[in-house]
Amino acid sequence: GETYLICWDDVWEGGNFDFTLDFSTDTPEDGDFCEYAKVIEPGTHTIDVINGYGCVSGPRIGLFTASTTPYAQSEWYSFTPADDGLMTVQNCGLTDEDTRLWIYTGECGIESLELIANNDDACGDVNGYQSQIDDLPVTDGTT
């Protein structure tokens, strides 16, 4: 007996498009959220499969803009530096995919993560849809 109102937004184009609505009584599978973050060290890493926490049940943490649903296609990684320094995270020229990047500190959980940096489309002329955060100060022992 409940009515669900569905609102679409298309800020980039004025044209029309199709969409589908599917219905199932099955419980959706949980994707990976930050508690499943893969521990990494400096170097190049390959994302084989994006199975992040989907927008069906995923949270929205920090700032986001219209038509951007964080974590609809996401994969989490964890880095803890052994010294104070500057961290650069980027995929400029490494993919043709349109990517976005968020960096947080804190304990995994919607209420305890702090957004410290984010980026979309910063690579300029190098496949301009990739993401880049340069020289972010990081502290020894902070994940």
C-alpha atoms as a PDB file:
ATOM      1  CA  GLY A   1       0.000   0.000   0.000  1.00  0.00           C
ATOM      2  CA  GLU A   2       3.045   2.326  -0.011  1.00  0.00           C
ATOM      3  CA  THR A   3       3.665   4.688  -2.962  1.00  0.00           C
ATOM      4  CA  TYR A   4       7.285   5.180  -4.068  1.00  0.00           C
ATOM      5  CA  LEU A   5       8.122   8.321  -6.004  1.00  0.00           C
ATOM      6  CA  ILE A   6      11.052   8.018  -8.421  1.00  0.00           C
ATOM      7  CA  CYS A   7      12.904  11.131  -9.564  1.00  0.00           C
ATOM      8  CA  TRP A   8      15.517  11.151 -12.357  1.00  0.00           C
ATOM      9  CA  ASP A   9      18.091  13.882 -12.892  1.00  0.00           C
ATOM     10  CA  ASP A  10      20.115  14.448 -16.059  1.00  0.00           C
ATOM     11  CA  VAL A  11      22.103  17.640 -15.580  1.00  0.00           C
ATOM     12  CA  TRP A  12      24.354  17.017 -18.584  1.00  0.00           C
ATOM     13  CA  GLU A  13      21.817  16.531 -21.379  1.00  0.00           C
ATOM     14  CA  GLY A  14      18.363  17.852 -22.203  1.00  0.00           C
ATOM     15  CA  GLY A  15      17.339  14.804 -24.232  1.00  0.00           C
ATOM     16  CA  ASN A  16      15.250  11.811 -23.328  1.00  0.00           C
ATOM     17  CA  PHE A  17      16.300   8.304 -22.267  1.00  0.00           C
ATOM     18  CA  ASP A  18      14.788   4.952 -21.325  1.00  0.00           C
ATOM     19  CA  PHE A  19      14.921   3.309 -17.918  1.00  0.00           C
ATOM     20  CA  THR A  20      13.642   0.086 -16.419  1.00  0.00           C
ATOM     21  CA  LEU A  21      12.211  -0.810 -13.052  1.00  0.00           C
ATOM     22  CA  ASP A  22      12.707  -4.343 -11.818  1.00  0.00           C
ATOM     23  CA  PHE A  23      11.129  -5.784  -8.690  1.00  0.00           C
ATOM     24  CA  SER A  24      12.250  -8.720  -6.561  1.00  0.00           C
ATOM     25  CA  THR A  25      11.450  -9.926  -3.068  1.00  0.00           C
ATOM     26  CA  ASP A  26      14.990 -11.341  -2.710  1.00  0.00           C
ATOM     27  CA  THR A  27      17.289  -9.602  -0.208  1.00  0.00           C
ATOM     28  CA  PRO A  28      20.000  -7.745  -2.154  1.00  0.00           C
ATOM     29  CA  GLU A  29      23.578  -8.912  -1.713  1.00  0.00           C
ATOM     30  CA  ASP A  30      25.795  -6.547   0.209  1.00  0.00           C
ATOM     31  CA  GLY A  31      28.775  -5.275  -1.719  1.00  0.00           C
ATOM     32  CA  ASP A  32      32.025  -4.228  -0.154  1.00  0.00           C
ATOM     33  CA  PHE A  33      32.103  -1.192   2.111  1.00  0.00           C
ATOM     34  CA  CYS A  34      35.147   0.169   3.995  1.00  0.00           C
ATOM     35  CA  GLU A  35      35.236  -2.764   6.423  1.00  0.00           C
ATOM     36  CA  TYR A  36      36.376  -4.815   3.410  1.00  0.00           C
ATOM     37  CA  ALA A  37      39.130  -2.361   2.409  1.00  0.00           C
ATOM     38  CA  LYS A  38      42.142  -4.061   0.857  1.00  0.00           C
ATOM     39  CA  VAL A  39      45.410  -3.111   2.556  1.00  0.00           C
ATOM     40  CA  ILE A  40      47.873  -1.687   0.019  1.00  0.00           C
ATOM     41  CA  GLU A  41      51.383  -0.240  -0.073  1.00  0.00           C
ATOM     42  CA  PRO A  42      52.763   2.378  -2.495  1.00  0.00           C
ATOM     43  CA  GLY A  43      52.847   1.127  -6.088  1.00  0.00           C
ATOM     44  CA  THR A  44      50.482   0.461  -8.993  1.00  0.00           C
ATOM     45  CA  HIS A  45      47.384  -1.591  -8.251  1.00  0.00           C
ATOM     46  CA  THR A  46      44.878  -3.231 -10.608  1.00  0.00           C
ATOM     47  CA  ILE A  47      41.143  -3.180  -9.947  1.00  0.00           C
ATOM     48  CA  ASP A  48      39.865  -6.351 -11.617  1.00  0.00           C
ATOM     49  CA  VAL A  49      36.249  -6.196 -10.451  1.00  0.00           C
ATOM     50  CA  ILE A  50      34.266  -3.356  -8.933  1.00  0.00           C
ATOM     51  CA  ASN A  51      31.918  -4.918  -6.404  1.00  0.00           C
ATOM     52  CA  GLY A  52      31.467  -1.974  -4.077  1.00  0.00           C
ATOM     53  CA  TYR A  53      28.482  -1.311  -1.904  1.00  0.00           C
ATOM     54  CA  GLY A  54      25.696  -0.517  -4.375  1.00  0.00           C
ATOM     55  CA  CYS A  55      23.420   2.498  -4.304  1.00  0.00           C
ATOM     56  CA  VAL A  56      20.536   0.175  -3.408  1.00  0.00           C
ATOM     57  CA  SER A  57      21.766   0.032   0.175  1.00  0.00           C
ATOM     58  CA  GLY A  58      24.963   2.062   0.225  1.00  0.00           C
ATOM     59  CA  PRO A  59      25.471   5.117   2.410  1.00  0.00           C
ATOM     60  CA  ARG A  60      26.372   8.633   1.335  1.00  0.00           C
ATOM     61  CA  ILE A  61      29.322   9.962   3.290  1.00  0.00           C
ATOM     62  CA  GLY A  62      30.678  13.494   3.077  1.00  0.00           C
ATOM     63  CA  LEU A  63      29.997  15.836   0.208  1.00  0.00           C
ATOM     64  CA  PHE A  64      28.458  14.756  -3.072  1.00  0.00           C
ATOM     65  CA  THR A  65      26.989  16.594  -6.028  1.00  0.00           C
ATOM     66  CA  ALA A  66      23.750  16.201  -7.970  1.00  0.00           C
ATOM     67  CA  SER A  67      23.583  13.023 -10.026  1.00  0.00           C
ATOM     68  CA  THR A  68      26.565  11.523  -8.207  1.00  0.00           C
ATOM     69  CA  THR A  69      25.760   8.535  -6.021  1.00  0.00           C
ATOM     70  CA  PRO A  70      28.973   7.639  -4.197  1.00  0.00           C
ATOM     71  CA  TYR A  71      29.665   3.930  -3.851  1.00  0.00           C
ATOM     72  CA  ALA A  72      27.289   2.828  -6.604  1.00  0.00           C
ATOM     73  CA  GLN A  73      30.461   1.468  -8.201  1.00  0.00           C
ATOM     74  CA  SER A  74      33.199   1.563  -5.578  1.00  0.00           C
ATOM     75  CA  GLU A  75      36.131  -0.385  -4.244  1.00  0.00           C
ATOM     76  CA  TRP A  76      37.837   0.395  -0.925  1.00  0.00           C
ATOM     77  CA  TYR A  77      41.574   0.353  -0.143  1.00  0.00           C
ATOM     78  CA  SER A  78      43.479   1.060   3.054  1.00  0.00           C
ATOM     79  CA  PHE A  79      46.926   2.665   3.410  1.00  0.00           C
ATOM     80  CA  THR A  80      48.780   3.369   6.662  1.00  0.00           C
ATOM     81  CA  PRO A  81      52.086   5.213   6.180  1.00  0.00           C
ATOM     82  CA  ALA A  82      55.090   4.267   8.313  1.00  0.00           C
ATOM     83  CA  ASP A  83      56.344   7.890   8.310  1.00  0.00           C
ATOM     84  CA  ASP A  84      54.943  11.404   7.915  1.00  0.00           C
ATOM     85  CA  GLY A  85      54.967  12.473   4.276  1.00  0.00           C
ATOM     86  CA  LEU A  86      52.993  13.418   1.174  1.00  0.00           C
ATOM     87  CA  MET A  87      50.674  10.960  -0.583  1.00  0.00           C
ATOM     88  CA  THR A  88      49.647  11.198  -4.232  1.00  0.00           C
ATOM     89  CA  VAL A  89      46.815   9.005  -5.524  1.00  0.00           C
ATOM     90  CA  GLN A  90      45.938   9.150  -9.227  1.00  0.00           C
ATOM     91  CA  ASN A  91      45.017   7.099 -12.276  1.00  0.00           C
ATOM     92  CA  CYS A  92      45.857   9.667 -14.970  1.00  0.00           C
ATOM     93  CA  GLY A  93      46.649   7.918 -18.240  1.00  0.00           C
ATOM     94  CA  LEU A  94      46.163   4.470 -16.660  1.00  0.00           C
ATOM     95  CA  THR A  95      42.533   3.980 -17.766  1.00  0.00           C
ATOM     96  CA  ASP A  96      39.897   5.358 -20.111  1.00  0.00           C
ATOM     97  CA  GLU A  97      37.211   5.027 -17.412  1.00  0.00           C
ATOM     98  CA  ASP A  98      35.519   8.075 -15.865  1.00  0.00           C
ATOM     99  CA  THR A  99      36.580   7.782 -12.214  1.00  0.00           C
ATOM    100  CA  ARG A 100      36.063   9.651  -8.947  1.00  0.00           C
ATOM    101  CA  LEU A 101      38.272   9.460  -5.877  1.00  0.00           C
ATOM    102  CA  TRP A 102      37.548  10.027  -2.164  1.00  0.00           C
ATOM    103  CA  ILE A 103      40.060   9.780   0.701  1.00  0.00           C
ATOM    104  CA  TYR A 104      38.917   9.432   4.313  1.00  0.00           C
ATOM    105  CA  THR A 105      40.442   8.969   7.754  1.00  0.00           C
ATOM    106  CA  GLY A 106      38.768   7.487  10.810  1.00  0.00           C
ATOM    107  CA  GLU A 107      37.167   4.224  11.757  1.00  0.00           C
ATOM    108  CA  CYS A 108      34.990   2.459   9.205  1.00  0.00           C
ATOM    109  CA  GLY A 109      31.378   3.507   9.668  1.00  0.00           C
ATOM    110  CA  ILE A 110      29.059   6.161   8.345  1.00  0.00           C
ATOM    111  CA  GLU A 111      29.373   8.390  11.407  1.00  0.00           C
ATOM    112  CA  SER A 112      33.126   8.064  12.007  1.00  0.00           C
ATOM    113  CA  LEU A 113      34.708   8.595   8.578  1.00  0.00           C
ATOM    114  CA  GLU A 114      36.108  12.055   7.825  1.00  0.00           C
ATOM    115  CA  LEU A 115      36.404  13.132   4.202  1.00  0.00           C
ATOM    116  CA  ILE A 116      39.837  14.760   3.756  1.00  0.00           C
ATOM    117  CA  ALA A 117      40.134  14.889  -0.059  1.00  0.00           C
ATOM    118  CA  ASN A 118      38.140  14.111  -3.185  1.00  0.00           C
ATOM    119  CA  ASN A 119      38.545  14.589  -6.899  1.00  0.00           C
ATOM    120  CA  ASP A 120      36.813  14.148 -10.234  1.00  0.00           C
ATOM    121  CA  ASP A 121      38.302  14.821 -13.684  1.00  0.00           C
ATOM    122  CA  ALA A 122      41.603  16.433 -12.586  1.00  0.00           C
ATOM    123  CA  CYS A 123      43.944  14.851 -15.111  1.00  0.00           C
ATOM    124  CA  GLY A 124      43.575  17.608 -17.685  1.00  0.00           C
ATOM    125  CA  ASP A 125      44.573  16.634 -21.208  1.00  0.00           C
ATOM    126  CA  VAL A 126      45.566  13.085 -20.200  1.00  0.00           C
ATOM    127  CA  ASN A 127      42.253  11.221 -20.708  1.00  0.00           C
ATOM    128  CA  GLY A 128      40.538  14.067 -18.801  1.00  0.00           C
ATOM    129  CA  TYR A 129      38.001  11.925 -16.911  1.00  0.00           C
ATOM    130  CA  GLN A 130      40.372  10.357 -14.404  1.00  0.00           C
ATOM    131  CA  SER A 131      41.069  11.442 -10.830  1.00  0.00           C
ATOM    132  CA  GLN A 132      44.107  12.800  -9.055  1.00  0.00           C
ATOM    133  CA  ILE A 133      45.021  14.017  -5.564  1.00  0.00           C
ATOM    134  CA  ASP A 134      48.575  15.359  -5.276  1.00  0.00           C
ATOM    135  CA  ASP A 135      50.792  15.793  -2.239  1.00  0.00           C
ATOM    136  CA  LEU A 136      48.226  15.138   0.490  1.00  0.00           C
ATOM    137  CA  PRO A 137      49.994  15.420   3.879  1.00  0.00           C
ATOM    138  CA  VAL A 138      49.752  12.098   5.751  1.00  0.00           C
ATOM    139  CA  THR A 139      50.759  11.150   9.279  1.00  0.00           C
ATOM    140  CA  ASP A 140      52.698   8.100  10.452  1.00  0.00           C
ATOM    141  CA  GLY A 141      50.309   5.410  11.715  1.00  0.00           C
ATOM    142  CA  THR A 142      47.106   7.066  10.434  1.00  0.00           C
ATOM    143  CA  THR A 143      45.047   4.839   8.136  1.00  0.00           C
END
